[in-house]
Amino acid sequence: MFGKTKWYISGAVSSDPNFREKFAKAEAELKGRGYKVINPVKGEKDGKPWQYYMKKDIKKLLKCDGIFLLPDWKTSEGACLEYMIAKSLGFYISRLDS
């Protein structure tokens, strides 16, 4: 049903030292299910202010049709913001519980 939908992965980054691995695992799992996926942390370098990444990530989110929320998304200010934007714009919303 959602195979042609482009999905954005959202979850905690700042509070998780293993965020890259977590996002990569989610990306691989979702692509394995046949989804088109945007992994916002892929290819990003560390060291910039939070606001810099959020501005880039929101642009990426707006190119998608849905958002996949990782289990820790509620602990992240950025992921909560992404969720609010996606919900307000009528995106598909799903949780990835692994």
PDB file of N, CA and C in Angstrom:
ATOM      1  N   MET A   1       0.811  -1.204   0.000  1.00  0.00           N
ATOM      2  CA  MET A   1       0.000   0.000   0.000  1.00  0.00           C
ATOM      3  C   MET A   1       0.850   1.261   0.000  1.00  0.00           C
ATOM      4  N   PHE A   2       1.909   1.273   0.813  1.00  0.00           N
ATOM      5  CA  PHE A   2       2.716   2.478   0.942  1.00  0.00           C
ATOM      6  C   PHE A   2       4.022   2.392   0.165  1.00  0.00           C
ATOM      7  N   GLY A   3       4.154   1.442  -0.743  1.00  0.00           N
ATOM      8  CA  GLY A   3       5.407   1.236  -1.447  1.00  0.00           C
ATOM      9  C   GLY A   3       5.907   2.434  -2.227  1.00  0.00           C
ATOM     10  N   LYS A   4       5.003   3.233  -2.768  1.00  0.00           N
ATOM     11  CA  LYS A   4       5.416   4.399  -3.541  1.00  0.00           C
ATOM     12  C   LYS A   4       5.530   5.651  -2.673  1.00  0.00           C
ATOM     13  N   THR A   5       5.172   5.518  -1.425  1.00  0.00           N
ATOM     14  CA  THR A   5       5.257   6.627  -0.491  1.00  0.00           C
ATOM     15  C   THR A   5       6.702   6.796  -0.043  1.00  0.00           C
ATOM     16  N   LYS A   6       7.156   8.038   0.025  1.00  0.00           N
ATOM     17  CA  LYS A   6       8.507   8.307   0.528  1.00  0.00           C
ATOM     18  C   LYS A   6       8.404   8.584   2.030  1.00  0.00           C
ATOM     19  N   TRP A   7       9.182   7.840   2.815  1.00  0.00           N
ATOM     20  CA  TRP A   7       9.124   7.897   4.266  1.00  0.00           C
ATOM     21  C   TRP A   7      10.380   8.549   4.842  1.00  0.00           C
ATOM     22  N   TYR A   8      10.186   9.281   5.898  1.00  0.00           N
ATOM     23  CA  TYR A   8      11.257   9.959   6.642  1.00  0.00           C
ATOM     24  C   TYR A   8      11.412   9.246   7.977  1.00  0.00           C
ATOM     25  N   ILE A   9      12.642   8.951   8.371  1.00  0.00           N
ATOM     26  CA  ILE A   9      12.903   8.300   9.656  1.00  0.00           C
ATOM     27  C   ILE A   9      13.157   9.372  10.709  1.00  0.00           C
ATOM     28  N   SER A  10      12.485   9.240  11.853  1.00  0.00           N
ATOM     29  CA  SER A  10      12.621  10.223  12.923  1.00  0.00           C
ATOM     30  C   SER A  10      12.855   9.520  14.257  1.00  0.00           C
ATOM     31  N   GLY A  11      13.837  10.027  14.999  1.00  0.00           N
ATOM     32  CA  GLY A  11      14.140   9.465  16.315  1.00  0.00           C
ATOM     33  C   GLY A  11      15.180  10.311  17.014  1.00  0.00           C
ATOM     34  N   ALA A  12      15.531   9.903  18.220  1.00  0.00           N
ATOM     35  CA  ALA A  12      16.509  10.642  19.012  1.00  0.00           C
ATOM     36  C   ALA A  12      17.890  10.555  18.381  1.00  0.00           C
ATOM     37  N   VAL A  13      18.583  11.684  18.349  1.00  0.00           N
ATOM     38  CA  VAL A  13      19.939  11.759  17.813  1.00  0.00           C
ATOM     39  C   VAL A  13      20.895  12.237  18.910  1.00  0.00           C
ATOM     40  N   SER A  14      20.660  13.414  19.428  1.00  0.00           N
ATOM     41  CA  SER A  14      21.585  14.051  20.375  1.00  0.00           C
ATOM     42  C   SER A  14      21.838  13.204  21.618  1.00  0.00           C
ATOM     43  N   SER A  15      20.817  12.490  22.085  1.00  0.00           N
ATOM     44  CA  SER A  15      20.949  11.723  23.324  1.00  0.00           C
ATOM     45  C   SER A  15      21.417  10.282  23.097  1.00  0.00           C
ATOM     46  N   ASP A  16      21.679   9.915  21.860  1.00  0.00           N
ATOM     47  CA  ASP A  16      22.046   8.526  21.540  1.00  0.00           C
ATOM     48  C   ASP A  16      23.383   8.485  20.802  1.00  0.00           C
ATOM     49  N   PRO A  17      24.448   8.039  21.472  1.00  0.00           N
ATOM     50  CA  PRO A  17      25.756   7.993  20.802  1.00  0.00           C
ATOM     51  C   PRO A  17      25.800   7.010  19.627  1.00  0.00           C
ATOM     52  N   ASN A  18      24.835   6.097  19.555  1.00  0.00           N
ATOM     53  CA  ASN A  18      24.778   5.116  18.466  1.00  0.00           C
ATOM     54  C   ASN A  18      23.674   5.432  17.457  1.00  0.00           C
ATOM     55  N   PHE A  19      23.338   6.726  17.343  1.00  0.00           N
ATOM     56  CA  PHE A  19      22.217   7.097  16.477  1.00  0.00           C
ATOM     57  C   PHE A  19      22.442   6.701  15.025  1.00  0.00           C
ATOM     58  N   ARG A  20      23.670   6.793  14.526  1.00  0.00           N
ATOM     59  CA  ARG A  20      23.913   6.460  13.109  1.00  0.00           C
ATOM     60  C   ARG A  20      23.576   4.998  12.827  1.00  0.00           C
ATOM     61  N   GLU A  21      23.995   4.122  13.703  1.00  0.00           N
ATOM     62  CA  GLU A  21      23.712   2.698  13.533  1.00  0.00           C
ATOM     63  C   GLU A  21      22.216   2.429  13.624  1.00  0.00           C
ATOM     64  N   LYS A  22      21.545   3.093  14.569  1.00  0.00           N
ATOM     65  CA  LYS A  22      20.099   2.917  14.757  1.00  0.00           C
ATOM     66  C   LYS A  22      19.342   3.356  13.510  1.00  0.00           C
ATOM     67  N   PHE A  23      19.693   4.511  12.954  1.00  0.00           N
ATOM     68  CA  PHE A  23      19.023   5.006  11.755  1.00  0.00           C
ATOM     69  C   PHE A  23      19.344   4.133  10.544  1.00  0.00           C
ATOM     70  N   ALA A  24      20.587   3.676  10.431  1.00  0.00           N
ATOM     71  CA  ALA A  24      20.973   2.806   9.307  1.00  0.00           C
ATOM     72  C   ALA A  24      20.214   1.487   9.358  1.00  0.00           C
ATOM     73  N   LYS A  25      20.060   0.941  10.558  1.00  0.00           N
ATOM     74  CA  LYS A  25      19.314  -0.309  10.719  1.00  0.00           C
ATOM     75  C   LYS A  25      17.853  -0.107  10.310  1.00  0.00           C
ATOM     76  N   ALA A  26      17.261   0.998  10.746  1.00  0.00           N
ATOM     77  CA  ALA A  26      15.872   1.294  10.382  1.00  0.00           C
ATOM     78  C   ALA A  26      15.739   1.481   8.875  1.00  0.00           C
ATOM     79  N   GLU A  27      16.691   2.192   8.276  1.00  0.00           N
ATOM     80  CA  GLU A  27      16.660   2.404   6.829  1.00  0.00           C
ATOM     81  C   GLU A  27      16.714   1.075   6.087  1.00  0.00           C
ATOM     82  N   ALA A  28      17.621   0.199   6.489  1.00  0.00           N
ATOM     83  CA  ALA A  28      17.755  -1.101   5.820  1.00  0.00           C
ATOM     84  C   ALA A  28      16.481  -1.926   5.967  1.00  0.00           C
ATOM     85  N   GLU A  29      15.903  -1.911   7.155  1.00  0.00           N
ATOM     86  CA  GLU A  29      14.674  -2.675   7.378  1.00  0.00           C
ATOM     87  C   GLU A  29      13.530  -2.149   6.520  1.00  0.00           C
ATOM     88  N   LEU A  30      13.381  -0.844   6.480  1.00  0.00           N
ATOM     89  CA  LEU A  30      12.285  -0.255   5.705  1.00  0.00           C
ATOM     90  C   LEU A  30      12.488  -0.448   4.202  1.00  0.00           C
ATOM     91  N   LYS A  31      13.712  -0.293   3.737  1.00  0.00           N
ATOM     92  CA  LYS A  31      13.989  -0.540   2.318  1.00  0.00           C
ATOM     93  C   LYS A  31      13.747  -2.006   1.978  1.00  0.00           C
ATOM     94  N   GLY A  32      14.066  -2.902   2.926  1.00  0.00           N
ATOM     95  CA  GLY A  32      13.807  -4.318   2.734  1.00  0.00           C
ATOM     96  C   GLY A  32      12.329  -4.632   2.580  1.00  0.00           C
ATOM     97  N   ARG A  33      11.496  -3.778   3.126  1.00  0.00           N
ATOM     98  CA  ARG A  33      10.045  -3.930   2.990  1.00  0.00           C
ATOM     99  C   ARG A  33       9.526  -3.275   1.710  1.00  0.00           C
ATOM    100  N   GLY A  34      10.436  -2.648   0.958  1.00  0.00           N
ATOM    101  CA  GLY A  34      10.050  -2.040  -0.306  1.00  0.00           C
ATOM    102  C   GLY A  34       9.724  -0.559  -0.241  1.00  0.00           C
ATOM    103  N   TYR A  35      10.014   0.082   0.882  1.00  0.00           N
ATOM    104  CA  TYR A  35       9.710   1.508   1.033  1.00  0.00           C
ATOM    105  C   TYR A  35      10.837   2.382   0.476  1.00  0.00           C
ATOM    106  N   LYS A  36      10.474   3.555   0.007  1.00  0.00           N
ATOM    107  CA  LYS A  36      11.442   4.598  -0.312  1.00  0.00           C
ATOM    108  C   LYS A  36      11.672   5.351   0.991  1.00  0.00           C
ATOM    109  N   VAL A  37      12.940   5.553   1.352  1.00  0.00           N
ATOM    110  CA  VAL A  37      13.251   6.062   2.689  1.00  0.00           C
ATOM    111  C   VAL A  37      14.258   7.205   2.638  1.00  0.00           C
ATOM    112  N   ILE A  38      14.011   8.213   3.461  1.00  0.00           N
ATOM    113  CA  ILE A  38      14.978   9.284   3.699  1.00  0.00           C
ATOM    114  C   ILE A  38      15.527   9.097   5.104  1.00  0.00           C
ATOM    115  N   ASN A  39      16.825   8.874   5.186  1.00  0.00           N
ATOM    116  CA  ASN A  39      17.533   8.772   6.459  1.00  0.00           C
ATOM    117  C   ASN A  39      18.229  10.112   6.677  1.00  0.00           C
ATOM    118  N   PRO A  40      17.714  10.964   7.567  1.00  0.00           N
ATOM    119  CA  PRO A  40      18.240  12.322   7.688  1.00  0.00           C
ATOM    120  C   PRO A  40      19.659  12.421   8.227  1.00  0.00           C
ATOM    121  N   VAL A  41      20.156  11.378   8.870  1.00  0.00           N
ATOM    122  CA  VAL A  41      21.513  11.451   9.424  1.00  0.00           C
ATOM    123  C   VAL A  41      22.564  10.891   8.475  1.00  0.00           C
ATOM    124  N   LYS A  42      22.127  10.257   7.412  1.00  0.00           N
ATOM    125  CA  LYS A  42      23.052   9.649   6.463  1.00  0.00           C
ATOM    126  C   LYS A  42      23.886  10.726   5.767  1.00  0.00           C
ATOM    127  N   GLY A  43      25.199  10.594   5.842  1.00  0.00           N
ATOM    128  CA  GLY A  43      26.095  11.519   5.178  1.00  0.00           C
ATOM    129  C   GLY A  43      26.329  12.833   5.905  1.00  0.00           C
ATOM    130  N   GLU A  44      25.695  13.024   7.042  1.00  0.00           N
ATOM    131  CA  GLU A  44      25.878  14.267   7.806  1.00  0.00           C
ATOM    132  C   GLU A  44      27.104  14.166   8.709  1.00  0.00           C
ATOM    133  N   LYS A  45      27.827  15.248   8.812  1.00  0.00           N
ATOM    134  CA  LYS A  45      28.985  15.334   9.708  1.00  0.00           C
ATOM    135  C   LYS A  45      28.537  15.949  11.025  1.00  0.00           C
ATOM    136  N   ASP A  46      29.197  15.565  12.098  1.00  0.00           N
ATOM    137  CA  ASP A  46      28.895  16.107  13.417  1.00  0.00           C
ATOM    138  C   ASP A  46      29.543  17.478  13.593  1.00  0.00           C
ATOM    139  N   GLY A  47      29.102  18.199  14.634  1.00  0.00           N
ATOM    140  CA  GLY A  47      29.791  19.419  15.020  1.00  0.00           C
ATOM    141  C   GLY A  47      29.056  20.720  14.768  1.00  0.00           C
ATOM    142  N   LYS A  48      27.924  20.664  14.105  1.00  0.00           N
ATOM    143  CA  LYS A  48      27.148  21.885  13.836  1.00  0.00           C
ATOM    144  C   LYS A  48      26.093  22.055  14.935  1.00  0.00           C
ATOM    145  N   PRO A  49      25.562  23.261  15.072  1.00  0.00           N
ATOM    146  CA  PRO A  49      24.495  23.481  16.065  1.00  0.00           C
ATOM    147  C   PRO A  49      23.227  22.701  15.715  1.00  0.00           C
ATOM    148  N   TRP A  50      22.447  22.379  16.721  1.00  0.00           N
ATOM    149  CA  TRP A  50      21.193  21.642  16.576  1.00  0.00           C
ATOM    150  C   TRP A  50      20.298  22.304  15.524  1.00  0.00           C
ATOM    151  N   GLN A  51      20.198  23.608  15.553  1.00  0.00           N
ATOM    152  CA  GLN A  51      19.322  24.339  14.639  1.00  0.00           C
ATOM    153  C   GLN A  51      19.724  24.122  13.179  1.00  0.00           C
ATOM    154  N   TYR A  52      21.011  24.021  12.928  1.00  0.00           N
ATOM    155  CA  TYR A  52      21.510  23.769  11.568  1.00  0.00           C
ATOM    156  C   TYR A  52      20.939  22.456  11.038  1.00  0.00           C
ATOM    157  N   TYR A  53      21.031  21.403  11.852  1.00  0.00           N
ATOM    158  CA  TYR A  53      20.541  20.093  11.419  1.00  0.00           C
ATOM    159  C   TYR A  53      19.026  20.088  11.284  1.00  0.00           C
ATOM    160  N   MET A  54      18.324  20.744  12.196  1.00  0.00           N
ATOM    161  CA  MET A  54      16.865  20.761  12.125  1.00  0.00           C
ATOM    162  C   MET A  54      16.373  21.463  10.861  1.00  0.00           C
ATOM    163  N   LYS A  55      17.005  22.553  10.481  1.00  0.00           N
ATOM    164  CA  LYS A  55      16.607  23.245   9.254  1.00  0.00           C
ATOM    165  C   LYS A  55      16.775  22.327   8.039  1.00  0.00           C
ATOM    166  N   LYS A  56      17.890  21.616   7.987  1.00  0.00           N
ATOM    167  CA  LYS A  56      18.125  20.678   6.875  1.00  0.00           C
ATOM    168  C   LYS A  56      17.137  19.519   6.923  1.00  0.00           C
ATOM    169  N   ASP A  57      16.904  19.010   8.136  1.00  0.00           N
ATOM    170  CA  ASP A  57      16.033  17.843   8.280  1.00  0.00           C
ATOM    171  C   ASP A  57      14.585  18.176   7.946  1.00  0.00           C
ATOM    172  N   ILE A  58      14.130  19.345   8.326  1.00  0.00           N
ATOM    173  CA  ILE A  58      12.759  19.733   7.999  1.00  0.00           C
ATOM    174  C   ILE A  58      12.586  19.838   6.486  1.00  0.00           C
ATOM    175  N   LYS A  59      13.588  20.338   5.791  1.00  0.00           N
ATOM    176  CA  LYS A  59      13.527  20.375   4.317  1.00  0.00           C
ATOM    177  C   LYS A  59      13.400  18.960   3.754  1.00  0.00           C
ATOM    178  N   LYS A  60      14.157  18.024   4.327  1.00  0.00           N
ATOM    179  CA  LYS A  60      14.087  16.628   3.884  1.00  0.00           C
ATOM    180  C   LYS A  60      12.706  16.043   4.186  1.00  0.00           C
ATOM    181  N   LEU A  61      12.206  16.314   5.377  1.00  0.00           N
ATOM    182  CA  LEU A  61      10.891  15.822   5.778  1.00  0.00           C
ATOM    183  C   LEU A  61       9.811  16.288   4.810  1.00  0.00           C
ATOM    184  N   LEU A  62       9.877  17.538   4.403  1.00  0.00           N
ATOM    185  CA  LEU A  62       8.846  18.109   3.535  1.00  0.00           C
ATOM    186  C   LEU A  62       8.824  17.493   2.145  1.00  0.00           C
ATOM    187  N   LYS A  63       9.856  16.748   1.785  1.00  0.00           N
ATOM    188  CA  LYS A  63       9.900  16.044   0.502  1.00  0.00           C
ATOM    189  C   LYS A  63       9.277  14.657   0.601  1.00  0.00           C
ATOM    190  N   CYS A  64       8.805  14.303   1.794  1.00  0.00           N
ATOM    191  CA  CYS A  64       8.266  12.962   2.040  1.00  0.00           C
ATOM    192  C   CYS A  64       6.749  12.998   2.166  1.00  0.00           C
ATOM    193  N   ASP A  65       6.179  11.796   2.216  1.00  0.00           N
ATOM    194  CA  ASP A  65       4.730  11.631   2.357  1.00  0.00           C
ATOM    195  C   ASP A  65       4.357  11.065   3.717  1.00  0.00           C
ATOM    196  N   GLY A  66       5.357  10.504   4.413  1.00  0.00           N
ATOM    197  CA  GLY A  66       5.089   9.867   5.687  1.00  0.00           C
ATOM    198  C   GLY A  66       6.306   9.927   6.586  1.00  0.00           C
ATOM    199  N   ILE A  67       6.077   9.655   7.865  1.00  0.00           N
ATOM    200  CA  ILE A  67       7.153   9.662   8.844  1.00  0.00           C
ATOM    201  C   ILE A  67       7.106   8.351   9.629  1.00  0.00           C
ATOM    202  N   PHE A  68       8.263   7.701   9.742  1.00  0.00           N
ATOM    203  CA  PHE A  68       8.417   6.525  10.582  1.00  0.00           C
ATOM    204  C   PHE A  68       9.094   6.972  11.863  1.00  0.00           C
ATOM    205  N   LEU A  69       8.446   6.742  12.984  1.00  0.00           N
ATOM    206  CA  LEU A  69       8.956   7.152  14.288  1.00  0.00           C
ATOM    207  C   LEU A  69       9.659   5.982  14.955  1.00  0.00           C
ATOM    208  N   LEU A  70      10.914   6.191  15.325  1.00  0.00           N
ATOM    209  CA  LEU A  70      11.660   5.171  16.057  1.00  0.00           C
ATOM    210  C   LEU A  70      11.155   5.133  17.494  1.00  0.00           C
ATOM    211  N   PRO A  71      11.385   4.031  18.218  1.00  0.00           N
ATOM    212  CA  PRO A  71      10.826   3.900  19.570  1.00  0.00           C
ATOM    213  C   PRO A  71      11.169   5.044  20.530  1.00  0.00           C
ATOM    214  N   ASP A  72      12.296   5.687  20.341  1.00  0.00           N
ATOM    215  CA  ASP A  72      12.727   6.744  21.269  1.00  0.00           C
ATOM    216  C   ASP A  72      12.331   8.151  20.833  1.00  0.00           C
ATOM    217  N   TRP A  73      11.466   8.286  19.851  1.00  0.00           N
ATOM    218  CA  TRP A  73      11.180   9.599  19.268  1.00  0.00           C
ATOM    219  C   TRP A  73      10.636  10.595  20.284  1.00  0.00           C
ATOM    220  N   LYS A  74       9.870  10.138  21.258  1.00  0.00           N
ATOM    221  CA  LYS A  74       9.270  11.062  22.233  1.00  0.00           C
ATOM    222  C   LYS A  74      10.303  11.697  23.157  1.00  0.00           C
ATOM    223  N   THR A  75      11.502  11.148  23.217  1.00  0.00           N
ATOM    224  CA  THR A  75      12.557  11.700  24.075  1.00  0.00           C
ATOM    225  C   THR A  75      13.358  12.783  23.366  1.00  0.00           C
ATOM    226  N   SER A  76      13.040  13.049  22.121  1.00  0.00           N
ATOM    227  CA  SER A  76      13.806  13.975  21.292  1.00  0.00           C
ATOM    228  C   SER A  76      12.991  15.207  20.931  1.00  0.00           C
ATOM    229  N   GLU A  77      13.499  16.368  21.264  1.00  0.00           N
ATOM    230  CA  GLU A  77      12.829  17.612  20.897  1.00  0.00           C
ATOM    231  C   GLU A  77      12.683  17.720  19.380  1.00  0.00           C
ATOM    232  N   GLY A  78      13.738  17.365  18.651  1.00  0.00           N
ATOM    233  CA  GLY A  78      13.705  17.440  17.194  1.00  0.00           C
ATOM    234  C   GLY A  78      12.701  16.475  16.583  1.00  0.00           C
ATOM    235  N   ALA A  79      12.674  15.240  17.073  1.00  0.00           N
ATOM    236  CA  ALA A  79      11.726  14.254  16.553  1.00  0.00           C
ATOM    237  C   ALA A  79      10.291  14.655  16.873  1.00  0.00           C
ATOM    238  N   CYS A  80      10.064  15.233  18.046  1.00  0.00           N
ATOM    239  CA  CYS A  80       8.716  15.720  18.396  1.00  0.00           C
ATOM    240  C   CYS A  80       8.295  16.842  17.450  1.00  0.00           C
ATOM    241  N   LEU A  81       9.222  17.720  17.115  1.00  0.00           N
ATOM    242  CA  LEU A  81       8.942  18.791  16.164  1.00  0.00           C
ATOM    243  C   LEU A  81       8.618  18.211  14.790  1.00  0.00           C
ATOM    244  N   GLU A  82       9.414  17.238  14.350  1.00  0.00           N
ATOM    245  CA  GLU A  82       9.159  16.595  13.056  1.00  0.00           C
ATOM    246  C   GLU A  82       7.789  15.923  13.044  1.00  0.00           C
ATOM    247  N   TYR A  83       7.445  15.268  14.141  1.00  0.00           N
ATOM    248  CA  TYR A  83       6.130  14.621  14.255  1.00  0.00           C
ATOM    249  C   TYR A  83       5.012  15.653  14.138  1.00  0.00           C
ATOM    250  N   MET A  84       5.151  16.770  14.856  1.00  0.00           N
ATOM    251  CA  MET A  84       4.115  17.804  14.829  1.00  0.00           C
ATOM    252  C   MET A  84       3.932  18.369  13.420  1.00  0.00           C
ATOM    253  N   ILE A  85       5.035  18.577  12.715  1.00  0.00           N
ATOM    254  CA  ILE A  85       4.959  19.072  11.336  1.00  0.00           C
ATOM    255  C   ILE A  85       4.256  18.039  10.456  1.00  0.00           C
ATOM    256  N   ALA A  86       4.701  16.785  10.545  1.00  0.00           N
ATOM    257  CA  ALA A  86       4.111  15.721   9.725  1.00  0.00           C
ATOM    258  C   ALA A  86       2.616  15.568  10.016  1.00  0.00           C
ATOM    259  N   LYS A  87       2.256  15.566  11.271  1.00  0.00           N
ATOM    260  CA  LYS A  87       0.843  15.426  11.648  1.00  0.00           C
ATOM    261  C   LYS A  87       0.024  16.610  11.129  1.00  0.00           C
ATOM    262  N   SER A  88       0.539  17.816  11.305  1.00  0.00           N
ATOM    263  CA  SER A  88      -0.169  19.021  10.869  1.00  0.00           C
ATOM    264  C   SER A  88      -0.375  19.058   9.362  1.00  0.00           C
ATOM    265  N   LEU A  89       0.559  18.468   8.620  1.00  0.00           N
ATOM    266  CA  LEU A  89       0.478  18.476   7.158  1.00  0.00           C
ATOM    267  C   LEU A  89      -0.227  17.251   6.582  1.00  0.00           C
ATOM    268  N   GLY A  90      -0.727  16.384   7.446  1.00  0.00           N
ATOM    269  CA  GLY A  90      -1.488  15.229   6.982  1.00  0.00           C
ATOM    270  C   GLY A  90      -0.658  14.089   6.437  1.00  0.00           C
ATOM    271  N   PHE A  91       0.591  13.977   6.868  1.00  0.00           N
ATOM    272  CA  PHE A  91       1.466  12.884   6.427  1.00  0.00           C
ATOM    273  C   PHE A  91       0.967  11.554   7.004  1.00  0.00           C
ATOM    274  N   TYR A  92       1.340  10.467   6.353  1.00  0.00           N
ATOM    275  CA  TYR A  92       1.182   9.160   6.962  1.00  0.00           C
ATOM    276  C   TYR A  92       2.119   9.108   8.170  1.00  0.00           C
ATOM    277  N   ILE A  93       1.659   8.490   9.242  1.00  0.00           N
ATOM    278  CA  ILE A  93       2.492   8.380  10.443  1.00  0.00           C
ATOM    279  C   ILE A  93       2.479   6.920  10.879  1.00  0.00           C
ATOM    280  N   SER A  94       3.689   6.391  11.074  1.00  0.00           N
ATOM    281  CA  SER A  94       3.814   5.010  11.501  1.00  0.00           C
ATOM    282  C   SER A  94       4.976   4.912  12.486  1.00  0.00           C
ATOM    283  N   ARG A  95       4.937   3.889  13.307  1.00  0.00           N
ATOM    284  CA  ARG A  95       6.020   3.661  14.260  1.00  0.00           C
ATOM    285  C   ARG A  95       6.798   2.431  13.852  1.00  0.00           C
ATOM    286  N   LEU A  96       8.088   2.503  14.064  1.00  0.00           N
ATOM    287  CA  LEU A  96       8.959   1.356  13.819  1.00  0.00           C
ATOM    288  C   LEU A  96       9.392   0.872  15.192  1.00  0.00           C
ATOM    289  N   ASP A  97       8.911  -0.274  15.601  1.00  0.00           N
ATOM    290  CA  ASP A  97       9.101  -0.726  16.977  1.00  0.00           C
ATOM    291  C   ASP A  97      10.304  -1.622  17.187  1.00  0.00           C
ATOM    292  N   SER A  98      11.216  -1.654  16.263  1.00  0.00           N
ATOM    293  CA  SER A  98      12.373  -2.527  16.476  1.00  0.00           C
ATOM    294  C   SER A  98      13.598  -1.711  16.785  1.00  0.00           C
TER     295      SER A  98
END
